[in-house]
C-alpha cells in the first residue's frame, strides 16, 4: 500500500514530528518512507531527519499491509500542523 501526504508543517519535519511519525508507524513495519529521490527502510529519527523534508514536500509511506484508518488520520493531522 502506498500513502502520499503533503507536509504542511511550517518548519518541515524536525525532531519532534519525526518522533511522532516513528511512534505512529512503529507497529507497521516493514515499510519504506520516501521524499524527493531519497528512500529509507527504517523508522530511525536520524534517518528521517536526513530526508530533509521541508514545508510543501510530499512524503510517501509504503507498507505491505493497509494502514488502519486511525493511523491515517493521525498522519493527516501530523502533516497538517
Foldseek 3Di string as FASTA:
>chain_A
DKDKDAAADQAFDDQVLLVVLCVLCVVFDQKWKAWDPDIDRDSDSVVVVVNVGHHGTMMMMGGDDDDDPVSVVSVRVSRND
